[in-house]
Amino acid sequence: MPDSTYRRTKIIATLGPATESEQDLTRLLQAGVDVVRLNMAHAKHDWTREVIRRIRTISQKANHEVAIMMDIKGPEIRTGDVDIPIELRPGEIFDFTIKPGADRENSEEIRSVDVNYRNLVNDIHVGDTVLVDNGLIRLEVREKHDAHIRCCVLTPGTLSSRRHINLPGVRVNLPSFTEKDRADTLVGIEEGIDFVALSFVREAADILQLRSFLKEHKSKARIVAKIEDQSAIANLDEIIRATDVLMVARGDLGIEVPFQDLPIIQHRATRTCLAVGRPVIIATHMLESMISQPMPTRAEITDVANAVYEQADCVMLSGETTIGKYPIECVRVLDKIARRVEEELAEDMPHPTVFLDERMKFMRSAVVMANEFPGSRIVTFTRRGLNAAGLSAQRPARAPILALTDSLSTLRQLRIVRSVEPYFIGPFGDPEKTLVRALDMLRDAGRIKVGDKLVIISDVITTDDERVDSIQLRTVG
């Protein structure tokens, strides 16, 4: 039987007005949140510093260190301000103004709105589709001029101020890591964040640019690449190999690609991450109806279950925990669904097709052994989290991965990895003495008991004082 005291799938909750107080944050952690996400699209630096310090303080009080993910805004195209909402009619000719105040042909008869990206006219082509406000309004480009882009309204709607623009299939030459992103990330680095989520990643070079920035500023934060447009899908394999974690950000992605392709892309991304040992997050609209309703829809329940069946590392909440009426209930719903599906998975766990280099073959041996002993635990020692992540990539059927580390930052970063329970043990020292100390700690924490089988990945010292990797099978005495 699977271990009912733990959940393999990790939960990410986005912080906002509904959850930022000390009381609500404490309840989030108690409900089972592993990672707290900060959405920097509208966040101020003073608020960011304040809530990061609050999260750390509450984590320490609760003796449950959680990871903090800073989600930076990335390149974004938006409409400008309008005095009153514009009701766009089917077939209407409408202009997106690139140079406000410039003369436009027939401007008296044609309504318009400004756009914040001045180079858009060079990126877009006649015949391209323009989607506004999460795809609710759809237009087609009919002409383009130096000062404006002339479109025909295909799907009507109400256009208000500062609406997001999507351009499916258009290669937009905006930088992936903007000046705002740099300023926000510096604040995160100073406060010791654990992850930086890079929005609208289009190719591996975008990730390498952020990695260079983090290295320059001596940050150990890991990178979460968000795939959100068609360029990312075309370069998916190289992005997965370049990043530390992948996020399938289904909000913008669901606008940029045909909706019937979205589940195929999610499945392919998850399978590829499993194959190369990268953690993967499924995000957006997981429990969208619970922003205003106390219970999820049946479709949402199935959607969450599907992410768990696919063996994703994390599921993520956005608006549900930032502005929703039932943020704690949302976390509990994810927890219940994940645990129930994991029970089923344990009975018929598919073996992932993992790229097996020498190190991964070693990890696979440990997982195969654990699978042979119902109720066993995998115990590993890890400084940077690589051992634990390698074991997780093998997706053990039942055994939890109890990861002992001497680094708090590694402990937090392991919160995002499926099946891993991280513990801080302090300096390692002599392997056998460290192992005894670790087993005492796990016994005191109630995670092991007399008679349990432990598959232990550790160092041993040979007669020549050489350290070698070992897999041990021990029974708790």
Protein backbone atom coordinates (compact mmCIF):
# COMPACT_ATOMS: atom_id res chain seq x y z
CA MET A 1 0.00 0.00 0.00
CA PRO A 2 1.18 3.59 -0.64
CA ASP A 3 2.24 5.76 2.28
CA SER A 4 -0.92 7.67 3.23
CA THR A 5 0.99 10.18 5.36
CA TYR A 6 2.49 12.00 2.41
CA ARG A 7 1.55 13.39 -0.98
CA ARG A 8 3.86 12.95 -3.96
CA THR A 9 2.49 15.81 -6.09
CA LYS A 10 3.58 19.24 -4.87
CA ILE A 11 1.28 22.27 -4.58
CA ILE A 12 2.18 25.83 -5.61
CA ALA A 13 -0.02 28.71 -4.40
CA THR A 14 0.19 32.30 -5.65
CA LEU A 15 0.18 34.99 -2.97
CA GLY A 16 -2.26 37.90 -3.13
CA PRO A 17 -4.77 39.92 -1.13
CA ALA A 18 -6.68 36.77 -0.16
CA THR A 19 -3.63 35.05 1.36
CA GLU A 20 -0.87 37.55 2.18
CA SER A 21 -1.70 38.10 5.86
CA GLU A 22 0.24 36.21 8.52
CA GLN A 23 -2.86 34.27 9.53
CA ASP A 24 -3.78 33.24 5.97
CA LEU A 25 -0.19 32.35 5.10
CA THR A 26 -0.02 30.11 8.15
CA ARG A 27 -3.22 28.37 7.06
CA LEU A 28 -1.84 27.90 3.53
CA LEU A 29 1.24 26.14 4.87
CA GLN A 30 -0.84 24.01 7.22
CA ALA A 31 -3.10 23.00 4.31
CA GLY A 32 -0.09 21.61 2.45
CA VAL A 33 1.44 24.30 0.22
CA ASP A 34 5.02 23.49 -0.83
CA VAL A 35 5.90 26.55 -2.91
CA VAL A 36 4.66 30.16 -2.64
CA ARG A 37 4.57 32.07 -5.94
CA LEU A 38 4.91 35.85 -6.22
CA ASN A 39 3.44 37.27 -9.43
CA MET A 40 5.56 40.32 -10.27
CA ALA A 41 3.27 41.63 -13.03
CA HIS A 42 1.86 44.25 -10.67
CA ALA A 43 3.88 43.75 -7.46
CA LYS A 44 5.76 46.64 -5.83
CA HIS A 45 9.24 46.10 -4.41
CA ASP A 46 8.32 47.12 -0.86
CA TRP A 47 5.48 44.58 -0.84
CA THR A 48 7.75 41.92 -2.30
CA ARG A 49 10.40 42.33 0.40
CA GLU A 50 7.77 42.39 3.14
CA VAL A 51 5.98 39.20 2.07
CA ILE A 52 9.19 37.24 1.42
CA ARG A 53 10.35 37.99 4.96
CA ARG A 54 6.90 37.11 6.29
CA ILE A 55 6.94 33.76 4.47
CA ARG A 56 10.36 32.93 5.89
CA THR A 57 9.33 33.86 9.44
CA ILE A 58 6.12 31.83 9.30
CA SER A 59 7.95 28.85 7.73
CA GLN A 60 10.47 28.82 10.55
CA LYS A 61 7.76 29.07 13.21
CA ALA A 62 5.90 26.17 11.61
CA ASN A 63 9.13 24.18 11.15
CA HIS A 64 8.11 23.77 7.51
CA GLU A 65 10.45 25.58 5.11
CA VAL A 66 8.67 26.33 1.84
CA ALA A 67 10.19 27.52 -1.43
CA ILE A 68 9.54 30.99 -2.86
CA MET A 69 9.13 31.42 -6.60
CA MET A 70 9.34 34.89 -8.15
CA ASP A 71 7.39 34.92 -11.43
CA ILE A 72 8.74 37.82 -13.47
CA LYS A 73 6.55 39.52 -16.04
CA GLY A 74 8.60 39.13 -19.24
CA PRO A 75 7.78 40.83 -22.55
CA GLU A 76 4.20 41.99 -22.79
CA ILE A 77 2.11 43.87 -25.35
CA ARG A 78 -0.89 45.79 -24.04
CA THR A 79 -3.42 48.31 -25.29
CA GLY A 80 -3.38 51.81 -23.83
CA ASP A 81 -5.99 53.62 -21.76
CA VAL A 82 -9.46 54.38 -23.12
CA ASP A 83 -11.81 56.98 -21.65
CA ILE A 84 -14.80 54.66 -21.90
CA PRO A 85 -14.93 51.00 -22.99
CA ILE A 86 -15.16 50.54 -26.77
CA GLU A 87 -17.85 48.20 -28.09
CA LEU A 88 -16.28 46.57 -31.14
CA ARG A 89 -18.74 45.38 -33.81
CA PRO A 90 -18.34 42.42 -36.21
CA GLY A 91 -16.70 43.55 -39.45
CA GLU A 92 -15.69 46.94 -38.03
CA ILE A 93 -12.37 48.42 -39.18
CA PHE A 94 -10.24 49.28 -36.14
CA ASP A 95 -6.73 50.68 -35.70
CA PHE A 96 -3.95 49.87 -33.25
CA THR A 97 -1.95 53.08 -33.03
CA ILE A 98 1.83 52.67 -32.92
CA LYS A 99 2.69 56.38 -32.82
CA PRO A 100 0.05 58.23 -30.80
CA GLY A 101 -0.93 61.56 -32.32
CA ALA A 102 0.25 60.72 -35.84
CA ASP A 103 -2.13 61.37 -38.73
CA ARG A 104 -4.15 58.36 -39.88
CA GLU A 105 -5.99 57.98 -43.17
CA ASN A 106 -9.81 58.17 -42.64
CA SER A 107 -9.12 58.59 -38.93
CA GLU A 108 -12.43 60.37 -38.32
CA GLU A 109 -14.41 57.28 -39.30
CA ILE A 110 -12.10 54.66 -37.74
CA ARG A 111 -11.76 54.16 -34.00
CA SER A 112 -8.42 53.23 -32.43
CA VAL A 113 -6.43 52.40 -29.33
CA ASP A 114 -2.73 52.90 -28.57
CA VAL A 115 -0.31 49.97 -28.19
CA ASN A 116 2.72 50.01 -25.84
CA TYR A 117 5.10 48.25 -28.28
CA ARG A 118 6.34 50.70 -30.90
CA ASN A 119 8.08 48.08 -33.09
CA LEU A 120 4.95 45.98 -33.52
CA VAL A 121 4.43 47.25 -37.07
CA ASN A 122 7.73 45.61 -38.11
CA ASP A 123 6.91 42.23 -36.53
CA ILE A 124 3.35 41.78 -37.72
CA HIS A 125 2.14 40.97 -41.25
CA VAL A 126 -1.07 41.43 -43.21
CA GLY A 127 -3.29 38.42 -42.56
CA ASP A 128 -2.00 37.84 -39.02
CA THR A 129 -4.47 37.41 -36.15
CA VAL A 130 -4.57 39.79 -33.19
CA LEU A 131 -6.18 38.48 -29.99
CA VAL A 132 -7.12 40.92 -27.23
CA ASP A 133 -8.17 40.35 -23.61
CA ASN A 134 -7.31 36.65 -23.30
CA GLY A 135 -8.58 35.97 -26.81
CA LEU A 136 -12.10 37.26 -26.20
CA ILE A 137 -11.71 39.77 -29.05
CA ARG A 138 -10.27 38.59 -32.38
CA LEU A 139 -9.11 40.77 -35.26
CA GLU A 140 -7.32 40.27 -38.57
CA VAL A 141 -4.60 42.58 -39.89
CA ARG A 142 -5.69 44.18 -43.19
CA GLU A 143 -3.07 46.93 -43.61
CA LYS A 144 -0.04 48.24 -41.79
CA HIS A 145 1.50 51.70 -41.86
CA ASP A 146 4.30 53.49 -39.99
CA ALA A 147 1.91 54.91 -37.42
CA HIS A 148 -0.83 52.29 -37.17
CA ILE A 149 -2.02 48.76 -37.91
CA ARG A 150 -5.46 48.53 -39.52
CA CYS A 151 -7.57 45.49 -38.61
CA CYS A 152 -11.00 44.01 -39.18
CA VAL A 153 -12.97 42.79 -36.15
CA LEU A 154 -13.75 39.06 -36.49
CA THR A 155 -15.00 38.34 -32.97
CA PRO A 156 -16.62 41.37 -31.29
CA GLY A 157 -16.35 42.42 -27.69
CA THR A 158 -15.83 45.25 -25.22
CA LEU A 159 -12.34 46.76 -25.23
CA SER A 160 -11.30 48.46 -21.99
CA SER A 161 -7.96 49.90 -20.83
CA ARG A 162 -4.64 48.04 -20.75
CA ARG A 163 -5.81 44.74 -22.23
CA HIS A 164 -3.26 42.03 -23.04
CA ILE A 165 -2.53 41.33 -26.73
CA ASN A 166 -1.60 37.89 -28.09
CA LEU A 167 -0.19 37.37 -31.60
CA PRO A 168 -0.36 33.65 -32.47
CA GLY A 169 2.51 32.59 -34.72
CA VAL A 170 4.12 36.05 -34.75
CA ARG A 171 7.78 36.27 -33.72
CA VAL A 172 7.88 39.35 -31.49
CA ASN A 173 11.34 40.90 -31.15
CA LEU A 174 10.94 42.02 -27.55
CA PRO A 175 13.70 41.01 -25.10
CA SER A 176 12.82 37.97 -23.00
CA PHE A 177 14.41 39.53 -19.89
CA THR A 178 13.24 43.15 -19.63
CA GLU A 179 14.52 46.03 -17.52
CA LYS A 180 11.58 45.57 -15.16
CA ASP A 181 12.48 41.89 -14.87
CA ARG A 182 16.07 42.78 -13.97
CA ALA A 183 14.97 45.17 -11.25
CA ASP A 184 12.46 42.68 -9.84
CA THR A 185 14.95 39.80 -9.92
CA LEU A 186 17.57 41.84 -8.08
CA VAL A 187 15.09 42.35 -5.25
CA GLY A 188 14.43 38.61 -5.22
CA ILE A 189 18.14 37.81 -5.16
CA GLU A 190 18.70 40.19 -2.23
CA GLU A 191 15.88 38.46 -0.32
CA GLY A 192 17.08 34.94 -1.14
CA ILE A 193 14.32 33.59 -3.40
CA ASP A 194 14.56 29.95 -4.48
CA PHE A 195 13.17 30.06 -8.04
CA VAL A 196 12.80 32.63 -10.83
CA ALA A 197 10.03 31.87 -13.32
CA LEU A 198 10.83 33.37 -16.73
CA SER A 199 7.73 34.29 -18.74
CA PHE A 200 7.29 33.79 -22.50
CA VAL A 201 10.44 31.71 -22.99
CA ARG A 202 10.92 31.26 -26.74
CA GLU A 203 14.27 29.44 -26.97
CA ALA A 204 17.11 28.08 -24.84
CA ALA A 205 19.07 31.34 -25.27
CA ASP A 206 16.43 33.13 -23.15
CA ILE A 207 17.18 30.80 -20.25
CA LEU A 208 20.94 31.14 -20.67
CA GLN A 209 20.63 34.92 -20.48
CA LEU A 210 18.80 34.70 -17.13
CA ARG A 211 21.24 32.07 -15.87
CA SER A 212 24.15 34.39 -16.66
CA PHE A 213 22.42 37.20 -14.75
CA LEU A 214 21.87 34.99 -11.70
CA LYS A 215 25.46 33.80 -11.79
CA GLU A 216 26.74 37.37 -12.13
CA HIS A 217 24.84 38.30 -8.95
CA LYS A 218 25.90 35.11 -7.12
CA SER A 219 22.38 33.74 -6.82
CA LYS A 220 21.66 30.02 -6.37
CA ALA A 221 18.04 30.48 -7.50
CA ARG A 222 16.90 27.94 -10.07
CA ILE A 223 15.07 28.77 -13.29
CA VAL A 224 11.51 27.85 -14.16
CA ALA A 225 10.89 28.22 -17.91
CA LYS A 226 7.27 29.09 -18.74
CA ILE A 227 6.09 27.92 -22.16
CA GLU A 228 3.37 30.26 -23.37
CA ASP A 229 3.53 30.65 -27.15
CA GLN A 230 4.12 28.82 -30.43
CA SER A 231 7.86 29.61 -30.51
CA ALA A 232 8.26 27.74 -27.21
CA ILE A 233 6.45 24.70 -28.60
CA ALA A 234 8.72 24.64 -31.66
CA ASN A 235 11.79 24.74 -29.37
CA LEU A 236 10.36 22.66 -26.53
CA ASP A 237 13.09 20.00 -26.32
CA GLU A 238 15.97 22.50 -26.18
CA ILE A 239 14.10 24.61 -23.60
CA ILE A 240 13.53 21.60 -21.33
CA ARG A 241 17.20 20.64 -21.47
CA ALA A 242 18.36 24.21 -20.75
CA THR A 243 16.06 24.93 -17.80
CA ASP A 244 15.91 23.60 -14.23
CA VAL A 245 12.09 23.32 -14.14
CA LEU A 246 9.39 23.63 -16.82
CA MET A 247 6.00 25.28 -16.34
CA VAL A 248 3.17 24.53 -18.77
CA ALA A 249 1.48 27.95 -18.46
CA ARG A 250 -1.87 27.14 -19.99
CA GLY A 251 -3.29 30.67 -19.82
CA ASP A 252 -1.47 32.40 -22.68
CA LEU A 253 -0.55 29.06 -24.24
CA GLY A 254 -4.25 28.22 -24.58
CA ILE A 255 -4.75 31.47 -26.49
CA GLU A 256 -1.68 31.12 -28.70
CA VAL A 257 -2.37 27.57 -29.93
CA PRO A 258 -5.58 25.90 -31.17
CA PHE A 259 -7.47 24.82 -28.05
CA GLN A 260 -7.63 21.20 -29.22
CA ASP A 261 -3.81 21.11 -29.25
CA LEU A 262 -3.42 22.23 -25.63
CA PRO A 263 -3.82 18.79 -23.94
CA ILE A 264 -1.45 17.27 -26.53
CA ILE A 265 1.19 19.90 -25.75
CA GLN A 266 0.76 19.38 -22.00
CA HIS A 267 1.17 15.62 -22.39
CA ARG A 268 4.21 15.94 -24.65
CA ALA A 269 5.88 18.48 -22.34
CA THR A 270 5.30 16.27 -19.30
CA ARG A 271 6.60 13.14 -21.07
CA THR A 272 9.73 14.96 -22.26
CA CYS A 273 10.44 16.32 -18.78
CA LEU A 274 10.12 12.83 -17.34
CA ALA A 275 12.46 11.46 -19.99
CA VAL A 276 15.28 13.90 -19.15
CA GLY A 277 14.61 14.22 -15.42
CA ARG A 278 13.24 17.79 -15.28
CA PRO A 279 10.51 18.75 -12.80
CA VAL A 280 7.33 19.95 -14.54
CA ILE A 281 4.54 22.23 -13.28
CA ILE A 282 0.99 22.25 -14.66
CA ALA A 283 -0.49 25.73 -14.18
CA THR A 284 -3.51 27.97 -14.81
CA HIS A 285 -7.25 27.35 -14.48
CA MET A 286 -6.79 24.27 -12.29
CA LEU A 287 -9.70 25.29 -10.03
CA GLU A 288 -10.81 28.54 -11.70
CA SER A 289 -14.46 28.21 -10.67
CA MET A 290 -13.42 28.14 -7.00
CA ILE A 291 -12.43 31.81 -7.21
CA SER A 292 -16.11 32.43 -6.47
CA GLN A 293 -17.58 28.98 -5.69
CA PRO A 294 -16.84 26.67 -2.72
CA MET A 295 -16.70 23.50 -4.84
CA PRO A 296 -14.82 22.70 -8.08
CA THR A 297 -16.54 21.61 -11.27
CA ARG A 298 -16.36 17.97 -12.28
CA ALA A 299 -14.21 18.99 -15.26
CA GLU A 300 -11.71 20.72 -12.95
CA ILE A 301 -11.50 17.66 -10.72
CA THR A 302 -10.71 15.55 -13.77
CA ASP A 303 -8.16 18.11 -15.03
CA VAL A 304 -6.25 18.05 -11.73
CA ALA A 305 -6.44 14.25 -11.64
CA ASN A 306 -5.07 14.07 -15.18
CA ALA A 307 -2.01 16.13 -14.18
CA VAL A 308 -1.38 13.70 -11.31
CA TYR A 309 -1.92 10.67 -13.60
CA GLU A 310 0.65 12.18 -15.97
CA GLN A 311 3.03 12.27 -12.96
CA ALA A 312 3.64 16.02 -13.06
CA ASP A 313 5.76 17.26 -10.16
CA CYS A 314 3.49 20.19 -9.25
CA VAL A 315 0.05 21.65 -9.76
CA MET A 316 -0.35 25.40 -9.36
CA LEU A 317 -3.03 27.81 -8.17
CA SER A 318 -3.16 31.41 -9.44
CA GLY A 319 -6.28 33.55 -9.06
CA GLU A 320 -7.75 30.89 -6.78
CA THR A 321 -5.38 31.93 -3.97
CA THR A 322 -4.69 35.57 -4.89
CA ILE A 323 -8.21 36.99 -5.08
CA GLY A 324 -10.44 33.94 -4.56
CA LYS A 325 -12.99 33.54 -1.81
CA TYR A 326 -11.88 30.00 -0.91
CA PRO A 327 -8.05 29.83 -1.10
CA ILE A 328 -7.53 27.30 1.71
CA GLU A 329 -10.31 25.08 0.38
CA CYS A 330 -8.58 25.12 -3.04
CA VAL A 331 -5.37 23.76 -1.54
CA ARG A 332 -7.31 21.08 0.31
CA VAL A 333 -9.10 20.07 -2.91
CA LEU A 334 -5.77 19.65 -4.72
CA ASP A 335 -4.43 17.67 -1.78
CA LYS A 336 -7.41 15.29 -1.72
CA ILE A 337 -7.43 14.69 -5.47
CA ALA A 338 -3.67 14.11 -5.61
CA ARG A 339 -3.66 11.63 -2.72
CA ARG A 340 -6.56 9.63 -4.17
CA VAL A 341 -5.09 9.42 -7.66
CA GLU A 342 -1.67 8.52 -6.25
CA GLU A 343 -3.26 5.55 -4.47
CA GLU A 344 -4.43 4.28 -7.87
CA LEU A 345 -1.10 5.01 -9.53
CA ALA A 346 0.77 3.02 -6.88
CA GLU A 347 -1.11 -0.10 -7.92
CA ASP A 348 -0.10 0.20 -11.58
CA MET A 349 2.78 2.67 -11.77
CA PRO A 350 4.13 3.08 -15.33
CA HIS A 351 7.92 3.12 -15.55
CA PRO A 352 9.17 6.42 -17.01
CA THR A 353 11.46 6.33 -20.01
CA VAL A 354 14.38 8.14 -18.44
CA PHE A 355 17.66 8.84 -20.21
CA LEU A 356 19.93 6.47 -18.29
CA ASP A 357 23.48 7.68 -17.96
CA GLU A 358 25.72 5.88 -15.47
CA ARG A 359 24.51 7.91 -12.50
CA MET A 360 20.85 7.44 -13.38
CA LYS A 361 21.32 3.68 -13.72
CA PHE A 362 22.61 3.71 -10.16
CA MET A 363 19.48 5.60 -9.06
CA ARG A 364 17.24 3.22 -11.00
CA SER A 365 18.72 0.28 -9.10
CA ALA A 366 17.74 1.89 -5.79
CA VAL A 367 14.18 2.55 -6.99
CA VAL A 368 13.77 -1.00 -8.34
CA MET A 369 14.85 -2.33 -4.96
CA ALA A 370 12.42 -0.04 -3.11
CA ASN A 371 9.59 -1.15 -5.40
CA GLU A 372 10.23 -4.75 -4.36
CA PHE A 373 9.60 -4.01 -0.66
CA PRO A 374 6.10 -2.66 0.08
CA GLY A 375 6.17 0.02 2.76
CA SER A 376 9.88 0.77 2.24
CA ARG A 377 11.50 4.22 2.32
CA ILE A 378 14.27 5.62 0.15
CA VAL A 379 16.81 7.61 2.17
CA THR A 380 19.38 9.78 0.42
CA PHE A 381 21.96 12.41 1.33
CA THR A 382 22.27 15.38 -0.99
CA ARG A 383 24.07 18.73 -0.96
CA ARG A 384 22.69 20.26 -4.16
CA GLY A 385 19.57 18.11 -4.55
CA LEU A 386 20.91 16.09 -7.49
CA ASN A 387 20.60 12.68 -5.80
CA ALA A 388 17.02 13.35 -4.73
CA ALA A 389 16.04 14.75 -8.14
CA GLY A 390 17.61 11.75 -9.88
CA LEU A 391 15.64 9.35 -7.70
CA SER A 392 12.44 11.33 -8.28
CA ALA A 393 12.95 11.13 -12.05
CA GLN A 394 12.65 7.33 -11.71
CA ARG A 395 9.17 7.82 -10.18
CA PRO A 396 9.25 5.21 -7.36
CA ALA A 397 5.89 3.46 -7.19
CA ARG A 398 5.29 3.64 -3.43
CA ALA A 399 8.35 4.64 -1.45
CA PRO A 400 8.78 8.28 -0.41
CA ILE A 401 12.22 9.82 -0.98
CA LEU A 402 13.50 11.10 2.38
CA ALA A 403 16.26 13.53 1.41
CA LEU A 404 18.75 14.67 4.06
CA THR A 405 20.64 17.85 3.22
CA ASP A 406 23.10 20.22 4.85
CA SER A 407 21.74 23.21 2.87
CA LEU A 408 18.55 25.15 3.60
CA SER A 409 18.43 26.47 0.02
CA THR A 410 18.60 22.89 -1.30
CA LEU A 411 15.85 21.85 1.11
CA ARG A 412 13.58 24.60 -0.22
CA GLN A 413 14.36 23.84 -3.85
CA LEU A 414 13.49 20.18 -3.31
CA ARG A 415 9.96 21.27 -2.34
CA ILE A 416 9.21 21.42 -6.06
CA VAL A 417 10.34 17.84 -6.82
CA ARG A 418 7.78 15.03 -6.85
CA SER A 419 7.93 12.39 -4.09
CA VAL A 420 10.76 14.13 -2.20
CA GLU A 421 10.49 14.99 1.51
CA PRO A 422 13.53 17.12 2.38
CA TYR A 423 15.05 17.36 5.89
CA PHE A 424 17.82 19.63 7.16
CA ILE A 425 20.47 17.67 9.06
CA GLY A 426 23.37 20.11 9.31
CA PRO A 427 27.00 19.29 8.38
CA PHE A 428 27.43 15.73 7.09
CA GLY A 429 30.78 14.55 8.46
CA ASP A 430 31.58 10.84 8.87
CA PRO A 431 29.17 8.84 6.64
CA GLU A 432 28.17 6.17 9.20
CA LYS A 433 27.74 8.66 12.04
CA THR A 434 25.72 10.94 9.74
CA LEU A 435 23.51 8.00 8.79
CA VAL A 436 22.84 7.12 12.43
CA ARG A 437 22.00 10.77 13.13
CA ALA A 438 19.68 10.86 10.11
CA LEU A 439 17.82 7.72 11.16
CA ASP A 440 17.35 9.13 14.67
CA MET A 441 15.93 12.32 13.15
CA LEU A 442 13.53 10.44 10.85
CA ARG A 443 12.42 8.19 13.73
CA ASP A 444 11.72 11.24 15.91
CA ALA A 445 9.77 12.82 13.03
CA GLY A 446 7.60 9.70 12.76
CA ARG A 447 8.75 8.96 9.20
CA ILE A 448 10.34 5.59 9.99
CA LYS A 449 9.58 2.95 12.61
CA VAL A 450 10.87 -0.38 13.82
CA GLY A 451 10.69 -3.00 11.08
CA ASP A 452 10.65 -0.56 8.12
CA LYS A 453 12.83 -1.42 5.14
CA LEU A 454 15.15 1.44 4.12
CA VAL A 455 16.91 1.69 0.76
CA ILE A 456 19.79 4.04 1.56
CA ILE A 457 21.92 5.89 -1.00
CA SER A 458 25.05 7.09 0.76
CA ASP A 459 28.86 7.23 0.81
CA VAL A 460 30.99 4.51 2.33
CA ILE A 461 34.69 4.70 3.16
CA THR A 462 36.89 1.93 1.74
CA THR A 463 40.03 0.59 3.42
CA ASP A 464 42.00 3.01 1.21
CA ASP A 465 40.01 5.96 2.62
CA GLU A 466 38.23 6.38 -0.70
CA ARG A 467 34.58 7.49 -0.74
CA VAL A 468 32.32 5.44 -3.01
CA ASP A 469 28.59 5.49 -3.67
CA SER A 470 26.59 2.69 -2.14
CA ILE A 471 23.05 1.33 -2.01
CA GLN A 472 22.21 -0.31 1.30
CA LEU A 473 19.14 -2.21 2.41
CA ARG A 474 18.54 -1.84 6.14
CA THR A 475 15.75 -2.78 8.51
CA VAL A 476 14.99 -0.23 11.23
CA GLY A 477 15.86 -1.74 14.61
